[in-house]
């Protein structure tokens, strides 16, 4: 767990959480639902052993 000083909390939040997220369906051992940020596409799906994936919706931060 990272302890963040109060004075830097807003910058920490913007840096780590202010990005679009993708909800997706993936097929590995079964159908799964996931969420990831754009910079993780498509490696995140591959790391999760998915053979196919489909972005369903993008959510803006």
PDB file of N, CA and C in Angstrom:
ATOM      1  N   UNK A   1       0.837  -1.179   0.000  1.00  0.00           N
ATOM      2  CA  UNK A   1       0.000   0.000   0.000  1.00  0.00           C
ATOM      3  C   UNK A   1       0.881   1.240   0.000  1.00  0.00           C
ATOM      4  N   UNK A   2       0.522   2.203  -0.819  1.00  0.00           N
ATOM      5  CA  UNK A   2       1.282   3.440  -0.914  1.00  0.00           C
ATOM      6  C   UNK A   2       0.638   4.504  -0.035  1.00  0.00           C
ATOM      7  N   UNK A   3       1.437   5.124   0.804  1.00  0.00           N
ATOM      8  CA  UNK A   3       0.964   6.238   1.624  1.00  0.00           C
ATOM      9  C   UNK A   3       1.272   7.525   0.864  1.00  0.00           C
ATOM     10  N   UNK A   4       0.262   8.347   0.631  1.00  0.00           N
ATOM     11  CA  UNK A   4       0.426   9.575  -0.137  1.00  0.00           C
ATOM     12  C   UNK A   4       0.191  10.767   0.782  1.00  0.00           C
ATOM     13  N   UNK A   5       1.142  11.701   0.856  1.00  0.00           N
ATOM     14  CA  UNK A   5       0.926  12.903   1.665  1.00  0.00           C
ATOM     15  C   UNK A   5      -0.302  13.660   1.172  1.00  0.00           C
ATOM     16  N   UNK A   6      -1.047  14.280   2.095  1.00  0.00           N
ATOM     17  CA  UNK A   6      -2.268  14.996   1.723  1.00  0.00           C
ATOM     18  C   UNK A   6      -2.043  16.030   0.637  1.00  0.00           C
ATOM     19  N   UNK A   7      -0.928  16.721   0.684  1.00  0.00           N
ATOM     20  CA  UNK A   7      -0.673  17.790  -0.287  1.00  0.00           C
ATOM     21  C   UNK A   7      -0.545  17.270  -1.712  1.00  0.00           C
ATOM     22  N   UNK A   8      -0.168  16.016  -1.881  1.00  0.00           N
ATOM     23  CA  UNK A   8      -0.013  15.480  -3.233  1.00  0.00           C
ATOM     24  C   UNK A   8      -1.156  14.551  -3.622  1.00  0.00           C
ATOM     25  N   UNK A   9      -2.157  14.399  -2.765  1.00  0.00           N
ATOM     26  CA  UNK A   9      -3.267  13.484  -3.043  1.00  0.00           C
ATOM     27  C   UNK A   9      -4.002  13.804  -4.341  1.00  0.00           C
ATOM     28  N   UNK A  10      -4.358  15.079  -4.637  1.00  0.00           N
ATOM     29  CA  UNK A  10      -5.051  15.342  -5.904  1.00  0.00           C
ATOM     30  C   UNK A  10      -4.220  14.952  -7.126  1.00  0.00           C
ATOM     31  N   UNK A  11      -2.932  15.264  -7.125  1.00  0.00           N
ATOM     32  CA  UNK A  11      -2.073  14.909  -8.255  1.00  0.00           C
ATOM     33  C   UNK A  11      -1.967  13.388  -8.381  1.00  0.00           C
ATOM     34  N   UNK A  12      -1.886  12.701  -7.261  1.00  0.00           N
ATOM     35  CA  UNK A  12      -1.816  11.237  -7.261  1.00  0.00           C
ATOM     36  C   UNK A  12      -3.063  10.659  -7.925  1.00  0.00           C
ATOM     37  N   UNK A  13      -4.220  11.186  -7.558  1.00  0.00           N
ATOM     38  CA  UNK A  13      -5.469  10.696  -8.127  1.00  0.00           C
ATOM     39  C   UNK A  13      -5.559  10.933  -9.615  1.00  0.00           C
ATOM     40  N   UNK A  14      -5.178  12.116 -10.052  1.00  0.00           N
ATOM     41  CA  UNK A  14      -5.217  12.428 -11.481  1.00  0.00           C
ATOM     42  C   UNK A  14      -4.256  11.529 -12.243  1.00  0.00           C
ATOM     43  N   UNK A  15      -3.058  11.359 -11.725  1.00  0.00           N
ATOM     44  CA  UNK A  15      -2.042  10.553 -12.407  1.00  0.00           C
ATOM     45  C   UNK A  15      -2.456   9.084 -12.510  1.00  0.00           C
ATOM     46  N   UNK A  16      -3.025   8.534 -11.461  1.00  0.00           N
ATOM     47  CA  UNK A  16      -3.307   7.100 -11.429  1.00  0.00           C
ATOM     48  C   UNK A  16      -4.719   6.708 -11.851  1.00  0.00           C
ATOM     49  N   UNK A  17      -5.664   7.640 -11.810  1.00  0.00           N
ATOM     50  CA  UNK A  17      -7.046   7.241 -12.054  1.00  0.00           C
ATOM     51  C   UNK A  17      -7.763   8.020 -13.143  1.00  0.00           C
ATOM     52  N   UNK A  18      -7.185   9.077 -13.680  1.00  0.00           N
ATOM     53  CA  UNK A  18      -7.862   9.909 -14.674  1.00  0.00           C
ATOM     54  C   UNK A  18      -7.563   9.427 -16.085  1.00  0.00           C
ATOM     55  N   UNK A  19      -8.083   8.275 -16.441  1.00  0.00           N
ATOM     56  CA  UNK A  19      -7.914   7.748 -17.781  1.00  0.00           C
ATOM     57  C   UNK A  19      -9.141   6.925 -18.143  1.00  0.00           C
ATOM     58  N   UNK A  20      -9.340   6.727 -19.418  1.00  0.00           N
ATOM     59  CA  UNK A  20     -10.468   5.927 -19.889  1.00  0.00           C
ATOM     60  C   UNK A  20     -10.259   4.470 -19.524  1.00  0.00           C
ATOM     61  N   UNK A  21     -11.366   3.808 -19.298  1.00  0.00           N
ATOM     62  CA  UNK A  21     -11.316   2.374 -19.016  1.00  0.00           C
ATOM     63  C   UNK A  21     -12.187   1.651 -20.040  1.00  0.00           C
ATOM     64  N   UNK A  22     -11.802   0.434 -20.353  1.00  0.00           N
ATOM     65  CA  UNK A  22     -12.543  -0.383 -21.299  1.00  0.00           C
ATOM     66  C   UNK A  22     -13.124  -1.587 -20.575  1.00  0.00           C
ATOM     67  N   UNK A  23     -14.428  -1.786 -20.729  1.00  0.00           N
ATOM     68  CA  UNK A  23     -15.045  -3.028 -20.286  1.00  0.00           C
ATOM     69  C   UNK A  23     -15.011  -3.943 -21.501  1.00  0.00           C
ATOM     70  N   UNK A  24     -14.670  -5.188 -21.295  1.00  0.00           N
ATOM     71  CA  UNK A  24     -14.536  -6.094 -22.423  1.00  0.00           C
ATOM     72  C   UNK A  24     -14.988  -7.498 -22.053  1.00  0.00           C
ATOM     73  N   UNK A  25     -15.287  -8.271 -23.080  1.00  0.00           N
ATOM     74  CA  UNK A  25     -15.553  -9.697 -22.942  1.00  0.00           C
ATOM     75  C   UNK A  25     -14.347 -10.417 -23.506  1.00  0.00           C
ATOM     76  N   UNK A  26     -13.944 -11.485 -22.851  1.00  0.00           N
ATOM     77  CA  UNK A  26     -12.829 -12.268 -23.385  1.00  0.00           C
ATOM     78  C   UNK A  26     -13.169 -13.747 -23.309  1.00  0.00           C
ATOM     79  N   UNK A  27     -12.527 -14.505 -24.168  1.00  0.00           N
ATOM     80  CA  UNK A  27     -12.731 -15.946 -24.190  1.00  0.00           C
ATOM     81  C   UNK A  27     -11.409 -16.619 -23.864  1.00  0.00           C
ATOM     82  N   UNK A  28     -11.376 -17.324 -22.765  1.00  0.00           N
ATOM     83  CA  UNK A  28     -10.214 -18.150 -22.408  1.00  0.00           C
ATOM     84  C   UNK A  28     -10.775 -19.525 -22.087  1.00  0.00           C
ATOM     85  N   UNK A  29     -10.815 -19.906 -20.831  1.00  0.00           N
ATOM     86  CA  UNK A  29     -11.436 -21.179 -20.465  1.00  0.00           C
ATOM     87  C   UNK A  29     -12.957 -21.054 -20.470  1.00  0.00           C
ATOM     88  N   UNK A  30     -13.437 -19.840 -20.512  1.00  0.00           N
ATOM     89  CA  UNK A  30     -14.859 -19.519 -20.569  1.00  0.00           C
ATOM     90  C   UNK A  30     -14.989 -18.058 -20.937  1.00  0.00           C
ATOM     91  N   UNK A  31     -16.206 -17.554 -20.947  1.00  0.00           N
ATOM     92  CA  UNK A  31     -16.421 -16.138 -21.233  1.00  0.00           C
ATOM     93  C   UNK A  31     -16.212 -15.361 -19.939  1.00  0.00           C
ATOM     94  N   UNK A  32     -15.425 -14.307 -20.017  1.00  0.00           N
ATOM     95  CA  UNK A  32     -15.137 -13.479 -18.850  1.00  0.00           C
ATOM     96  C   UNK A  32     -15.394 -12.017 -19.187  1.00  0.00           C
ATOM     97  N   UNK A  33     -15.713 -11.243 -18.164  1.00  0.00           N
ATOM     98  CA  UNK A  33     -15.886  -9.801 -18.295  1.00  0.00           C
ATOM     99  C   UNK A  33     -14.731  -9.152 -17.562  1.00  0.00           C
ATOM    100  N   UNK A  34     -14.140  -8.128 -18.162  1.00  0.00           N
ATOM    101  CA  UNK A  34     -13.012  -7.465 -17.521  1.00  0.00           C
ATOM    102  C   UNK A  34     -13.052  -5.970 -17.731  1.00  0.00           C
ATOM    103  N   UNK A  35     -12.143  -5.289 -17.055  1.00  0.00           N
ATOM    104  CA  UNK A  35     -11.977  -3.846 -17.197  1.00  0.00           C
ATOM    105  C   UNK A  35     -10.479  -3.559 -17.206  1.00  0.00           C
ATOM    106  N   UNK A  36     -10.051  -2.691 -18.091  1.00  0.00           N
ATOM    107  CA  UNK A  36      -8.642  -2.322 -18.159  1.00  0.00           C
ATOM    108  C   UNK A  36      -8.518  -0.922 -18.745  1.00  0.00           C
ATOM    109  N   UNK A  37      -7.351  -0.349 -18.641  1.00  0.00           N
ATOM    110  CA  UNK A  37      -7.126   0.964 -19.238  1.00  0.00           C
ATOM    111  C   UNK A  37      -6.517   0.803 -20.623  1.00  0.00           C
ATOM    112  N   UNK A  38      -6.638   1.841 -21.427  1.00  0.00           N
ATOM    113  CA  UNK A  38      -6.243   1.780 -22.839  1.00  0.00           C
ATOM    114  C   UNK A  38      -4.801   1.337 -23.034  1.00  0.00           C
ATOM    115  N   UNK A  39      -3.893   1.813 -22.186  1.00  0.00           N
ATOM    116  CA  UNK A  39      -2.481   1.472 -22.378  1.00  0.00           C
ATOM    117  C   UNK A  39      -2.206  -0.023 -22.198  1.00  0.00           C
ATOM    118  N   UNK A  40      -3.154  -0.764 -21.617  1.00  0.00           N
ATOM    119  CA  UNK A  40      -2.962  -2.204 -21.422  1.00  0.00           C
ATOM    120  C   UNK A  40      -3.492  -3.044 -22.577  1.00  0.00           C
ATOM    121  N   UNK A  41      -4.103  -2.412 -23.574  1.00  0.00           N
ATOM    122  CA  UNK A  41      -4.656  -3.170 -24.692  1.00  0.00           C
ATOM    123  C   UNK A  41      -3.576  -3.506 -25.695  1.00  0.00           C
ATOM    124  N   UNK A  42      -3.513  -4.638 -26.309  1.00  0.00           N
ATOM    125  CA  UNK A  42      -4.236  -5.871 -26.003  1.00  0.00           C
ATOM    126  C   UNK A  42      -3.457  -6.788 -25.056  1.00  0.00           C
ATOM    127  N   UNK A  43      -2.317  -6.331 -24.561  1.00  0.00           N
ATOM    128  CA  UNK A  43      -1.448  -7.204 -23.757  1.00  0.00           C
ATOM    129  C   UNK A  43      -2.156  -7.766 -22.530  1.00  0.00           C
ATOM    130  N   UNK A  44      -3.040  -6.993 -21.924  1.00  0.00           N
ATOM    131  CA  UNK A  44      -3.725  -7.475 -20.732  1.00  0.00           C
ATOM    132  C   UNK A  44      -4.544  -8.715 -21.048  1.00  0.00           C
ATOM    133  N   UNK A  45      -5.228  -8.705 -22.200  1.00  0.00           N
ATOM    134  CA  UNK A  45      -6.032  -9.859 -22.578  1.00  0.00           C
ATOM    135  C   UNK A  45      -5.146 -11.067 -22.825  1.00  0.00           C
ATOM    136  N   UNK A  46      -4.042 -10.839 -23.502  1.00  0.00           N
ATOM    137  CA  UNK A  46      -3.115 -11.933 -23.800  1.00  0.00           C
ATOM    138  C   UNK A  46      -2.544 -12.501 -22.510  1.00  0.00           C
ATOM    139  N   UNK A  47      -2.173 -11.633 -21.561  1.00  0.00           N
ATOM    140  CA  UNK A  47      -1.660 -12.091 -20.262  1.00  0.00           C
ATOM    141  C   UNK A  47      -2.684 -12.925 -19.507  1.00  0.00           C
ATOM    142  N   UNK A  48      -3.962 -12.689 -19.756  1.00  0.00           N
ATOM    143  CA  UNK A  48      -5.030 -13.433 -19.087  1.00  0.00           C
ATOM    144  C   UNK A  48      -5.393 -14.709 -19.856  1.00  0.00           C
ATOM    145  N   UNK A  49      -4.577 -15.083 -20.836  1.00  0.00           N
ATOM    146  CA  UNK A  49      -4.756 -16.302 -21.643  1.00  0.00           C
ATOM    147  C   UNK A  49      -5.996 -16.272 -22.526  1.00  0.00           C
ATOM    148  N   UNK A  50      -6.444 -15.099 -22.889  1.00  0.00           N
ATOM    149  CA  UNK A  50      -7.604 -15.001 -23.765  1.00  0.00           C
ATOM    150  C   UNK A  50      -7.193 -15.296 -25.198  1.00  0.00           C
ATOM    151  N   UNK A  51      -8.044 -16.024 -25.904  1.00  0.00           N
ATOM    152  CA  UNK A  51      -7.789 -16.288 -27.316  1.00  0.00           C
ATOM    153  C   UNK A  51      -8.537 -15.286 -28.194  1.00  0.00           C
ATOM    154  N   UNK A  52      -9.589 -14.681 -27.647  1.00  0.00           N
ATOM    155  CA  UNK A  52     -10.348 -13.640 -28.333  1.00  0.00           C
ATOM    156  C   UNK A  52     -10.838 -12.648 -27.293  1.00  0.00           C
ATOM    157  N   UNK A  53     -11.050 -11.420 -27.736  1.00  0.00           N
ATOM    158  CA  UNK A  53     -11.612 -10.419 -26.832  1.00  0.00           C
ATOM    159  C   UNK A  53     -12.404  -9.399 -27.635  1.00  0.00           C
ATOM    160  N   UNK A  54     -13.307  -8.729 -26.955  1.00  0.00           N
ATOM    161  CA  UNK A  54     -14.168  -7.758 -27.605  1.00  0.00           C
ATOM    162  C   UNK A  54     -14.430  -6.595 -26.653  1.00  0.00           C
ATOM    163  N   UNK A  55     -13.932  -5.386 -26.971  1.00  0.00           N
ATOM    164  CA  UNK A  55     -14.271  -4.227 -26.141  1.00  0.00           C
ATOM    165  C   UNK A  55     -15.774  -3.970 -26.262  1.00  0.00           C
ATOM    166  N   UNK A  56     -16.437  -3.736 -25.140  1.00  0.00           N
ATOM    167  CA  UNK A  56     -17.880  -3.538 -25.145  1.00  0.00           C
ATOM    168  C   UNK A  56     -18.229  -2.065 -24.995  1.00  0.00           C
ATOM    169  N   UNK A  57     -17.559  -1.386 -24.064  1.00  0.00           N
ATOM    170  CA  UNK A  57     -17.869   0.013 -23.795  1.00  0.00           C
ATOM    171  C   UNK A  57     -16.628   0.708 -23.248  1.00  0.00           C
ATOM    172  N   UNK A  58     -16.499   1.988 -23.564  1.00  0.00           N
ATOM    173  CA  UNK A  58     -15.427   2.816 -23.015  1.00  0.00           C
ATOM    174  C   UNK A  58     -16.052   3.783 -22.024  1.00  0.00           C
ATOM    175  N   UNK A  59     -15.434   3.903 -20.854  1.00  0.00           N
ATOM    176  CA  UNK A  59     -15.911   4.814 -19.820  1.00  0.00           C
ATOM    177  C   UNK A  59     -14.850   5.886 -19.624  1.00  0.00           C
ATOM    178  N   UNK A  60     -15.245   7.142 -19.790  1.00  0.00           N
ATOM    179  CA  UNK A  60     -14.314   8.253 -19.612  1.00  0.00           C
ATOM    180  C   UNK A  60     -14.159   8.564 -18.132  1.00  0.00           C
ATOM    181  N   UNK A  61     -12.959   8.940 -17.738  1.00  0.00           N
ATOM    182  CA  UNK A  61     -12.694   9.274 -16.333  1.00  0.00           C
ATOM    183  C   UNK A  61     -13.240  10.634 -16.006  1.00  0.00           C
TER     184      UNK A  61
END
